[in-house]
Amino acid sequence: MSSYPLRNDTAQEAARLEALQQLHDGSSIRRFERLGVGPGWHCAELGAGAGSIAEWLAERVGPAGSVTAVDRDTSQLARLRRRSNVRIAEGDLLSSAFADSVFTPERYDLVHSRSVLMHLDEADAVVVRVVPALRRGGVVLFEEADGAPVVRALSQRELPEPFVRVLAPLATRWTWARGLAGHLAALGLEQVEDDVRQDDLVGATPAAMFWRRTLEAIRPLITDERGMRALGREPVDDAGYDAMLALLGDPGFSVPFAARHRVSARRP
């Protein structure tokens, strides 16, 4: 199983991405406004997903600006092809040839990602390519999750067994975002800000419903005994999986889960 095994070209994934957009678009847009995104800006959206942020940016920057919507699977972005100021770029950010075509020097006023780079084994290499692609005064906004809260909780308190077996192992892998601000500063960016917010996972909330959709999507992988043992991990049985899904529908379920790093910085 790769670190991000889902594919966009299914109705199930479209619904999951829609749920993700509903959770986080408002917060992302407020940060764009604080950063001054406006008419004439040239933007790159890394991991455009179902396209809501790329579409908002296209409206915001207007005909004098542009948006490059990047994803390894652009099947959810068909409606954006009608916009003259949107370029759809399909490919793998870890491919040098593809990255070179996206990150040309001093091209963008804004580069944004959300819940994307945290899944890449070589995310630092992508960030290194982003910096020279910024125009002078251009900004980045990376919104990525960190599993530190659940790691602390696992060592300090007793958590429900289905959560420990099913969801906690996913979140404990998210470690990259906590060092991102320092990495950007080391690359010479200025005005580095790391707004960190911890999100508890509470049952019967929109966030819980998003995770229910996620678990339903990856269930064949997590419960596959041969595949999981090949990775050195224990598979989850169906009873344990069903118990975790039930917790996500229970308003009495609440556990520390993830911290979201919203890191912005500007190229001098």
C-alpha atoms as a PDB file:
ATOM      1  CA  MET A   1       0.000   0.000   0.000  1.00  0.00           C
ATOM      2  CA  SER A   2       1.376   3.381  -0.963  1.00  0.00           C
ATOM      3  CA  SER A   3       1.126   6.264   1.490  1.00  0.00           C
ATOM      4  CA  TYR A   4      -1.813   7.604  -0.526  1.00  0.00           C
ATOM      5  CA  PRO A   5      -3.534   4.728  -2.335  1.00  0.00           C
ATOM      6  CA  LEU A   6      -6.823   6.396  -3.355  1.00  0.00           C
ATOM      7  CA  ARG A   7      -7.758   7.378  -6.910  1.00  0.00           C
ATOM      8  CA  ASN A   8      -9.955  10.296  -7.932  1.00  0.00           C
ATOM      9  CA  ASP A   9     -11.846   8.620 -10.768  1.00  0.00           C
ATOM     10  CA  THR A  10     -14.619   7.015  -8.682  1.00  0.00           C
ATOM     11  CA  ALA A  11     -17.915   8.306  -7.334  1.00  0.00           C
ATOM     12  CA  GLN A  12     -16.818   7.169  -3.875  1.00  0.00           C
ATOM     13  CA  GLU A  13     -13.684   9.302  -4.001  1.00  0.00           C
ATOM     14  CA  ALA A  14     -15.578  12.268  -5.451  1.00  0.00           C
ATOM     15  CA  ALA A  15     -17.886  12.180  -2.419  1.00  0.00           C
ATOM     16  CA  ARG A  16     -14.934  11.885  -0.044  1.00  0.00           C
ATOM     17  CA  LEU A  17     -13.155  14.851  -1.636  1.00  0.00           C
ATOM     18  CA  GLU A  18     -16.357  16.878  -1.474  1.00  0.00           C
ATOM     19  CA  ALA A  19     -16.524  16.177   2.261  1.00  0.00           C
ATOM     20  CA  LEU A  20     -12.898  17.308   2.635  1.00  0.00           C
ATOM     21  CA  GLN A  21     -13.651  20.530   0.769  1.00  0.00           C
ATOM     22  CA  GLN A  22     -16.613  21.293   3.004  1.00  0.00           C
ATOM     23  CA  LEU A  23     -14.426  20.843   6.076  1.00  0.00           C
ATOM     24  CA  HIS A  24     -11.521  23.050   5.041  1.00  0.00           C
ATOM     25  CA  ASP A  25     -12.344  25.402   2.141  1.00  0.00           C
ATOM     26  CA  GLY A  26     -13.566  28.216   4.378  1.00  0.00           C
ATOM     27  CA  SER A  27     -10.346  28.246   6.388  1.00  0.00           C
ATOM     28  CA  SER A  28      -8.169  28.087   3.258  1.00  0.00           C
ATOM     29  CA  ILE A  29     -10.016  30.967   1.623  1.00  0.00           C
ATOM     30  CA  ARG A  30      -9.677  33.169   4.698  1.00  0.00           C
ATOM     31  CA  ARG A  31      -5.923  32.633   4.590  1.00  0.00           C
ATOM     32  CA  PHE A  32      -5.771  33.475   0.880  1.00  0.00           C
ATOM     33  CA  GLU A  33      -7.531  36.723   1.647  1.00  0.00           C
ATOM     34  CA  ARG A  34      -5.092  37.511   4.469  1.00  0.00           C
ATOM     35  CA  LEU A  35      -2.178  36.856   2.106  1.00  0.00           C
ATOM     36  CA  GLY A  36      -3.626  39.338  -0.374  1.00  0.00           C
ATOM     37  CA  VAL A  37      -4.485  36.973  -3.242  1.00  0.00           C
ATOM     38  CA  GLY A  38      -6.205  39.094  -5.862  1.00  0.00           C
ATOM     39  CA  PRO A  39      -6.641  40.012  -9.525  1.00  0.00           C
ATOM     40  CA  GLY A  40      -3.676  39.251 -11.746  1.00  0.00           C
ATOM     41  CA  TRP A  41      -2.060  36.685  -9.446  1.00  0.00           C
ATOM     42  CA  HIS A  42      -0.583  33.528 -10.942  1.00  0.00           C
ATOM     43  CA  CYS A  43      -1.229  30.506  -8.713  1.00  0.00           C
ATOM     44  CA  ALA A  44      -0.409  26.818  -8.473  1.00  0.00           C
ATOM     45  CA  GLU A  45      -2.715  24.417  -6.638  1.00  0.00           C
ATOM     46  CA  LEU A  46      -0.789  21.225  -5.802  1.00  0.00           C
ATOM     47  CA  GLY A  47      -3.146  18.292  -5.454  1.00  0.00           C
ATOM     48  CA  ALA A  48      -6.225  20.003  -6.857  1.00  0.00           C
ATOM     49  CA  GLY A  49      -8.480  17.047  -6.002  1.00  0.00           C
ATOM     50  CA  ALA A  50     -12.095  17.881  -6.816  1.00  0.00           C
ATOM     51  CA  GLY A  51     -11.143  21.412  -7.794  1.00  0.00           C
ATOM     52  CA  SER A  52     -12.990  23.744  -5.420  1.00  0.00           C
ATOM     53  CA  ILE A  53      -9.904  25.741  -4.398  1.00  0.00           C
ATOM     54  CA  ALA A  54      -8.589  25.980  -7.962  1.00  0.00           C
ATOM     55  CA  GLU A  55     -12.026  27.226  -9.015  1.00  0.00           C
ATOM     56  CA  TRP A  56     -12.131  29.841  -6.243  1.00  0.00           C
ATOM     57  CA  LEU A  57      -8.641  31.034  -7.156  1.00  0.00           C
ATOM     58  CA  ALA A  58      -9.588  31.286 -10.835  1.00  0.00           C
ATOM     59  CA  GLU A  59     -12.506  33.549  -9.926  1.00  0.00           C
ATOM     60  CA  ARG A  60     -10.354  35.593  -7.579  1.00  0.00           C
ATOM     61  CA  VAL A  61      -7.419  36.246  -9.908  1.00  0.00           C
ATOM     62  CA  GLY A  62      -9.627  36.977 -12.925  1.00  0.00           C
ATOM     63  CA  PRO A  63      -8.673  36.976 -16.596  1.00  0.00           C
ATOM     64  CA  ALA A  64      -5.370  38.747 -15.957  1.00  0.00           C
ATOM     65  CA  GLY A  65      -4.262  35.963 -13.604  1.00  0.00           C
ATOM     66  CA  SER A  66      -3.917  32.200 -13.929  1.00  0.00           C
ATOM     67  CA  VAL A  67      -4.227  28.967 -11.981  1.00  0.00           C
ATOM     68  CA  THR A  68      -2.240  25.805 -12.617  1.00  0.00           C
ATOM     69  CA  ALA A  69      -4.227  22.917 -11.122  1.00  0.00           C
ATOM     70  CA  VAL A  70      -1.891  19.969 -10.490  1.00  0.00           C
ATOM     71  CA  ASP A  71      -2.909  16.399  -9.660  1.00  0.00           C
ATOM     72  CA  ARG A  72      -1.763  12.911 -10.536  1.00  0.00           C
ATOM     73  CA  ASP A  73      -5.411  12.187 -11.447  1.00  0.00           C
ATOM     74  CA  THR A  74      -7.350  15.130 -12.913  1.00  0.00           C
ATOM     75  CA  SER A  75     -10.578  13.263 -13.613  1.00  0.00           C
ATOM     76  CA  GLN A  76     -12.511  15.476 -11.161  1.00  0.00           C
ATOM     77  CA  LEU A  77     -11.366  18.700 -12.847  1.00  0.00           C
ATOM     78  CA  ALA A  78     -13.232  18.525 -16.159  1.00  0.00           C
ATOM     79  CA  ARG A  79     -15.350  21.601 -15.435  1.00  0.00           C
ATOM     80  CA  LEU A  80     -12.212  23.720 -14.976  1.00  0.00           C
ATOM     81  CA  ARG A  81     -11.080  23.049 -18.532  1.00  0.00           C
ATOM     82  CA  ARG A  82     -13.685  25.557 -19.713  1.00  0.00           C
ATOM     83  CA  ARG A  83     -11.910  28.373 -17.892  1.00  0.00           C
ATOM     84  CA  SER A  84      -9.407  30.244 -20.020  1.00  0.00           C
ATOM     85  CA  ASN A  85      -7.260  31.157 -17.016  1.00  0.00           C
ATOM     86  CA  VAL A  86      -6.873  27.571 -15.724  1.00  0.00           C
ATOM     87  CA  ARG A  87      -4.224  25.113 -16.841  1.00  0.00           C
ATOM     88  CA  ILE A  88      -4.701  21.457 -15.877  1.00  0.00           C
ATOM     89  CA  ALA A  89      -1.430  19.595 -15.262  1.00  0.00           C
ATOM     90  CA  GLU A  90      -1.650  15.837 -14.655  1.00  0.00           C
ATOM     91  CA  GLY A  91       1.394  14.046 -13.330  1.00  0.00           C
ATOM     92  CA  ASP A  92       3.522  12.999 -10.377  1.00  0.00           C
ATOM     93  CA  LEU A  93       5.222  15.818  -8.451  1.00  0.00           C
ATOM     94  CA  LEU A  94       8.097  13.454  -7.671  1.00  0.00           C
ATOM     95  CA  SER A  95       8.844  13.016 -11.379  1.00  0.00           C
ATOM     96  CA  SER A  96      11.646  15.396 -12.321  1.00  0.00           C
ATOM     97  CA  ALA A  97      10.371  15.938 -15.861  1.00  0.00           C
ATOM     98  CA  PHE A  98       6.853  16.747 -14.689  1.00  0.00           C
ATOM     99  CA  ALA A  99       8.056  18.957 -11.834  1.00  0.00           C
ATOM    100  CA  ASP A 100      10.275  20.899 -14.247  1.00  0.00           C
ATOM    101  CA  SER A 101       7.237  21.619 -16.426  1.00  0.00           C
ATOM    102  CA  VAL A 102       5.245  22.933 -13.455  1.00  0.00           C
ATOM    103  CA  PHE A 103       7.894  24.758 -11.442  1.00  0.00           C
ATOM    104  CA  THR A 104       9.454  27.046 -14.018  1.00  0.00           C
ATOM    105  CA  PRO A 105      11.463  29.918 -12.503  1.00  0.00           C
ATOM    106  CA  GLU A 106       9.622  32.914 -11.036  1.00  0.00           C
ATOM    107  CA  ARG A 107       6.246  31.829 -12.379  1.00  0.00           C
ATOM    108  CA  TYR A 108       3.862  32.036  -9.425  1.00  0.00           C
ATOM    109  CA  ASP A 109       2.610  34.572  -6.918  1.00  0.00           C
ATOM    110  CA  LEU A 110       1.075  31.759  -4.844  1.00  0.00           C
ATOM    111  CA  VAL A 111       1.734  28.043  -4.416  1.00  0.00           C
ATOM    112  CA  HIS A 112      -0.734  26.127  -2.242  1.00  0.00           C
ATOM    113  CA  SER A 113      -1.204  22.563  -1.052  1.00  0.00           C
ATOM    114  CA  ARG A 114      -3.643  21.015   1.390  1.00  0.00           C
ATOM    115  CA  SER A 115      -3.364  17.478   2.766  1.00  0.00           C
ATOM    116  CA  VAL A 116      -1.093  16.526  -0.129  1.00  0.00           C
ATOM    117  CA  LEU A 117       2.618  16.839   0.636  1.00  0.00           C
ATOM    118  CA  MET A 118       2.211  14.970   3.943  1.00  0.00           C
ATOM    119  CA  HIS A 119       1.613  11.809   1.893  1.00  0.00           C
ATOM    120  CA  LEU A 120       4.782  12.091  -0.228  1.00  0.00           C
ATOM    121  CA  ASP A 121       7.956  10.259   0.729  1.00  0.00           C
ATOM    122  CA  GLU A 122      10.068  13.069  -0.745  1.00  0.00           C
ATOM    123  CA  ALA A 123       7.998  16.117   0.149  1.00  0.00           C
ATOM    124  CA  ASP A 124      11.107  18.172   0.955  1.00  0.00           C
ATOM    125  CA  ALA A 125      12.265  17.772  -2.653  1.00  0.00           C
ATOM    126  CA  VAL A 126       8.965  19.241  -3.861  1.00  0.00           C
ATOM    127  CA  VAL A 127       9.323  22.232  -1.534  1.00  0.00           C
ATOM    128  CA  VAL A 128      12.860  22.852  -2.805  1.00  0.00           C
ATOM    129  CA  ARG A 129      11.459  23.095  -6.337  1.00  0.00           C
ATOM    130  CA  VAL A 130       8.661  25.423  -5.251  1.00  0.00           C
ATOM    131  CA  VAL A 131      10.904  28.214  -3.953  1.00  0.00           C
ATOM    132  CA  PRO A 132      12.563  29.280  -7.246  1.00  0.00           C
ATOM    133  CA  ALA A 133       9.174  28.987  -8.966  1.00  0.00           C
ATOM    134  CA  LEU A 134       7.900  31.849  -6.795  1.00  0.00           C
ATOM    135  CA  ARG A 135       8.119  35.388  -8.063  1.00  0.00           C
ATOM    136  CA  ARG A 136       9.797  37.944  -5.817  1.00  0.00           C
ATOM    137  CA  GLY A 137       7.257  38.656  -3.108  1.00  0.00           C
ATOM    138  CA  GLY A 138       5.350  35.476  -3.935  1.00  0.00           C
ATOM    139  CA  VAL A 139       3.922  33.359  -1.134  1.00  0.00           C
ATOM    140  CA  VAL A 140       3.374  29.726  -0.241  1.00  0.00           C
ATOM    141  CA  LEU A 141       0.587  28.306   1.890  1.00  0.00           C
ATOM    142  CA  PHE A 142       0.943  24.673   2.905  1.00  0.00           C
ATOM    143  CA  GLU A 143      -1.852  23.127   4.999  1.00  0.00           C
ATOM    144  CA  GLU A 144      -0.742  19.707   6.189  1.00  0.00           C
ATOM    145  CA  ALA A 145      -1.575  17.433   9.126  1.00  0.00           C
ATOM    146  CA  ASP A 146       0.662  16.110  11.903  1.00  0.00           C
ATOM    147  CA  GLY A 147      -0.168  13.084  14.034  1.00  0.00           C
ATOM    148  CA  ALA A 148       1.613  14.336  17.170  1.00  0.00           C
ATOM    149  CA  PRO A 149      -1.597  14.637  19.268  1.00  0.00           C
ATOM    150  CA  VAL A 150      -2.521  10.988  18.847  1.00  0.00           C
ATOM    151  CA  VAL A 151       1.069   9.900  19.553  1.00  0.00           C
ATOM    152  CA  ARG A 152       0.958  11.783  22.873  1.00  0.00           C
ATOM    153  CA  ALA A 153      -2.471  10.384  23.684  1.00  0.00           C
ATOM    154  CA  LEU A 154      -1.342   6.821  23.036  1.00  0.00           C
ATOM    155  CA  SER A 155       1.360   7.208  25.674  1.00  0.00           C
ATOM    156  CA  GLN A 156      -0.763   9.048  28.243  1.00  0.00           C
ATOM    157  CA  ARG A 157      -4.236   7.558  28.281  1.00  0.00           C
ATOM    158  CA  GLU A 158      -6.321   4.557  27.391  1.00  0.00           C
ATOM    159  CA  LEU A 159      -8.038   4.948  24.033  1.00  0.00           C
ATOM    160  CA  PRO A 160     -10.779   2.804  22.458  1.00  0.00           C
ATOM    161  CA  GLU A 161      -9.267  -0.349  21.000  1.00  0.00           C
ATOM    162  CA  PRO A 162     -10.870   0.031  17.537  1.00  0.00           C
ATOM    163  CA  PHE A 163      -9.354   3.511  17.253  1.00  0.00           C
ATOM    164  CA  VAL A 164      -5.925   2.251  18.342  1.00  0.00           C
ATOM    165  CA  ARG A 165      -6.018  -0.535  15.759  1.00  0.00           C
ATOM    166  CA  VAL A 166      -7.611   1.240  12.790  1.00  0.00           C
ATOM    167  CA  LEU A 167      -7.157   5.032  12.747  1.00  0.00           C
ATOM    168  CA  ALA A 168      -4.254   5.735  15.085  1.00  0.00           C
ATOM    169  CA  PRO A 169      -1.685   3.907  12.874  1.00  0.00           C
ATOM    170  CA  LEU A 170      -2.630   6.193   9.969  1.00  0.00           C
ATOM    171  CA  ALA A 171      -2.164   9.411  11.943  1.00  0.00           C
ATOM    172  CA  THR A 172       1.102   8.389  13.607  1.00  0.00           C
ATOM    173  CA  ARG A 173       2.725   8.325  10.159  1.00  0.00           C
ATOM    174  CA  TRP A 174       2.082  12.048   9.660  1.00  0.00           C
ATOM    175  CA  THR A 175       5.328  13.615  10.884  1.00  0.00           C
ATOM    176  CA  TRP A 176       6.502  15.815   8.024  1.00  0.00           C
ATOM    177  CA  ALA A 177       4.511  19.005   8.655  1.00  0.00           C
ATOM    178  CA  ARG A 178       6.041  19.724  12.054  1.00  0.00           C
ATOM    179  CA  GLY A 179       9.399  20.615  10.453  1.00  0.00           C
ATOM    180  CA  LEU A 180       8.020  22.550   7.489  1.00  0.00           C
ATOM    181  CA  ALA A 181       8.342  26.077   8.901  1.00  0.00           C
ATOM    182  CA  GLY A 182      12.006  25.539   9.696  1.00  0.00           C
ATOM    183  CA  HIS A 183      12.602  24.070   6.253  1.00  0.00           C
ATOM    184  CA  LEU A 184      11.090  27.114   4.543  1.00  0.00           C
ATOM    185  CA  ALA A 185      13.179  29.473   6.663  1.00  0.00           C
ATOM    186  CA  ALA A 186      16.326  27.509   5.805  1.00  0.00           C
ATOM    187  CA  LEU A 187      15.488  27.911   2.108  1.00  0.00           C
ATOM    188  CA  GLY A 188      15.550  31.689   2.536  1.00  0.00           C
ATOM    189  CA  LEU A 189      11.841  32.476   2.729  1.00  0.00           C
ATOM    190  CA  GLU A 190      10.708  35.243   5.071  1.00  0.00           C
ATOM    191  CA  GLN A 191       7.606  36.066   7.135  1.00  0.00           C
ATOM    192  CA  VAL A 192       7.301  32.379   7.973  1.00  0.00           C
ATOM    193  CA  GLU A 193       4.170  31.696  10.022  1.00  0.00           C
ATOM    194  CA  ASP A 194       3.051  28.325  11.341  1.00  0.00           C
ATOM    195  CA  ASP A 195      -0.528  28.425  12.579  1.00  0.00           C
ATOM    196  CA  VAL A 196      -1.042  25.103  14.368  1.00  0.00           C
ATOM    197  CA  ARG A 197      -4.502  23.954  15.442  1.00  0.00           C
ATOM    198  CA  GLN A 198      -5.204  20.652  17.162  1.00  0.00           C
ATOM    199  CA  ASP A 199      -8.333  18.861  16.031  1.00  0.00           C
ATOM    200  CA  ASP A 200      -9.948  16.265  18.269  1.00  0.00           C
ATOM    201  CA  LEU A 201     -11.905  13.617  16.404  1.00  0.00           C
ATOM    202  CA  VAL A 202     -15.496  13.614  17.638  1.00  0.00           C
ATOM    203  CA  GLY A 203     -18.165  11.169  16.524  1.00  0.00           C
ATOM    204  CA  ALA A 204     -21.226  12.228  14.510  1.00  0.00           C
ATOM    205  CA  THR A 205     -19.516  15.394  13.192  1.00  0.00           C
ATOM    206  CA  PRO A 206     -18.636  16.339   9.599  1.00  0.00           C
ATOM    207  CA  ALA A 207     -15.010  15.413  10.315  1.00  0.00           C
ATOM    208  CA  ALA A 208     -16.082  11.996  11.561  1.00  0.00           C
ATOM    209  CA  MET A 209     -18.194  11.478   8.461  1.00  0.00           C
ATOM    210  CA  PHE A 210     -15.183  12.365   6.295  1.00  0.00           C
ATOM    211  CA  TRP A 211     -13.140   9.725   8.112  1.00  0.00           C
ATOM    212  CA  ARG A 212     -15.943   7.220   7.726  1.00  0.00           C
ATOM    213  CA  ARG A 213     -15.807   7.769   3.958  1.00  0.00           C
ATOM    214  CA  THR A 214     -12.022   7.417   4.065  1.00  0.00           C
ATOM    215  CA  LEU A 215     -12.135   4.170   6.019  1.00  0.00           C
ATOM    216  CA  GLU A 216     -14.767   2.749   3.713  1.00  0.00           C
ATOM    217  CA  ALA A 217     -12.511   3.543   0.761  1.00  0.00           C
ATOM    218  CA  ILE A 218      -9.380   1.919   2.183  1.00  0.00           C
ATOM    219  CA  ARG A 219     -11.084  -1.022   3.900  1.00  0.00           C
ATOM    220  CA  PRO A 220      -9.994  -3.569   1.251  1.00  0.00           C
ATOM    221  CA  LEU A 221      -6.373  -2.579   1.905  1.00  0.00           C
ATOM    222  CA  ILE A 222      -6.378  -2.482   5.693  1.00  0.00           C
ATOM    223  CA  THR A 223      -8.225  -5.793   6.021  1.00  0.00           C
ATOM    224  CA  ASP A 224      -6.090  -7.596   3.419  1.00  0.00           C
ATOM    225  CA  GLU A 225      -4.076 -10.074   5.470  1.00  0.00           C
ATOM    226  CA  ARG A 226      -1.452 -10.882   2.845  1.00  0.00           C
ATOM    227  CA  GLY A 227      -0.865  -7.284   1.819  1.00  0.00           C
ATOM    228  CA  MET A 228      -0.634  -5.905   5.340  1.00  0.00           C
ATOM    229  CA  ARG A 229       1.701  -8.655   6.541  1.00  0.00           C
ATOM    230  CA  ALA A 230       3.936  -7.940   3.558  1.00  0.00           C
ATOM    231  CA  LEU A 231       4.276  -4.424   4.996  1.00  0.00           C
ATOM    232  CA  GLY A 232       5.068  -5.787   8.436  1.00  0.00           C
ATOM    233  CA  ARG A 233       1.700  -4.669   9.829  1.00  0.00           C
ATOM    234  CA  GLU A 234      -1.191  -6.550  11.338  1.00  0.00           C
ATOM    235  CA  PRO A 235      -4.390  -6.554   9.278  1.00  0.00           C
ATOM    236  CA  VAL A 236      -7.603  -5.374  10.919  1.00  0.00           C
ATOM    237  CA  ASP A 237     -10.429  -7.883  11.060  1.00  0.00           C
ATOM    238  CA  ASP A 238     -13.934  -6.973   9.943  1.00  0.00           C
ATOM    239  CA  ALA A 239     -15.285  -6.844  13.492  1.00  0.00           C
ATOM    240  CA  GLY A 240     -12.639  -4.295  14.515  1.00  0.00           C
ATOM    241  CA  TYR A 241     -13.275  -2.244  11.407  1.00  0.00           C
ATOM    242  CA  ASP A 242     -17.019  -2.195  11.975  1.00  0.00           C
ATOM    243  CA  ALA A 243     -16.450  -1.138  15.581  1.00  0.00           C
ATOM    244  CA  MET A 244     -14.379   1.851  14.414  1.00  0.00           C
ATOM    245  CA  LEU A 245     -17.067   2.879  11.939  1.00  0.00           C
ATOM    246  CA  ALA A 246     -19.624   2.690  14.743  1.00  0.00           C
ATOM    247  CA  LEU A 247     -17.500   4.981  16.940  1.00  0.00           C
ATOM    248  CA  LEU A 248     -17.439   7.581  14.166  1.00  0.00           C
ATOM    249  CA  GLY A 249     -21.226   7.731  14.376  1.00  0.00           C
ATOM    250  CA  ASP A 250     -21.268   8.026  18.183  1.00  0.00           C
ATOM    251  CA  PRO A 251     -21.417  11.626  19.522  1.00  0.00           C
ATOM    252  CA  GLY A 252     -19.874  10.379  22.776  1.00  0.00           C
ATOM    253  CA  PHE A 253     -16.651   9.364  21.004  1.00  0.00           C
ATOM    254  CA  SER A 254     -13.859  11.969  21.283  1.00  0.00           C
ATOM    255  CA  VAL A 255     -10.088  11.458  21.011  1.00  0.00           C
ATOM    256  CA  PRO A 256      -7.033  13.625  20.277  1.00  0.00           C
ATOM    257  CA  PHE A 257      -6.161  12.995  16.668  1.00  0.00           C
ATOM    258  CA  ALA A 258      -4.191  15.477  14.561  1.00  0.00           C
ATOM    259  CA  ALA A 259      -2.733  18.963  14.451  1.00  0.00           C
ATOM    260  CA  ARG A 260      -3.122  20.956  11.263  1.00  0.00           C
ATOM    261  CA  HIS A 261      -0.128  23.127  10.322  1.00  0.00           C
ATOM    262  CA  ARG A 262      -1.051  26.074   8.126  1.00  0.00           C
ATOM    263  CA  VAL A 263       2.372  27.340   7.104  1.00  0.00           C
ATOM    264  CA  SER A 264       2.809  30.483   5.011  1.00  0.00           C
ATOM    265  CA  ALA A 265       5.998  32.218   3.905  1.00  0.00           C
ATOM    266  CA  ARG A 266       7.094  34.827   1.381  1.00  0.00           C
ATOM    267  CA  ARG A 267       9.999  34.927  -1.046  1.00  0.00           C
ATOM    268  CA  PRO A 268      12.049  38.100  -0.528  1.00  0.00           C
END
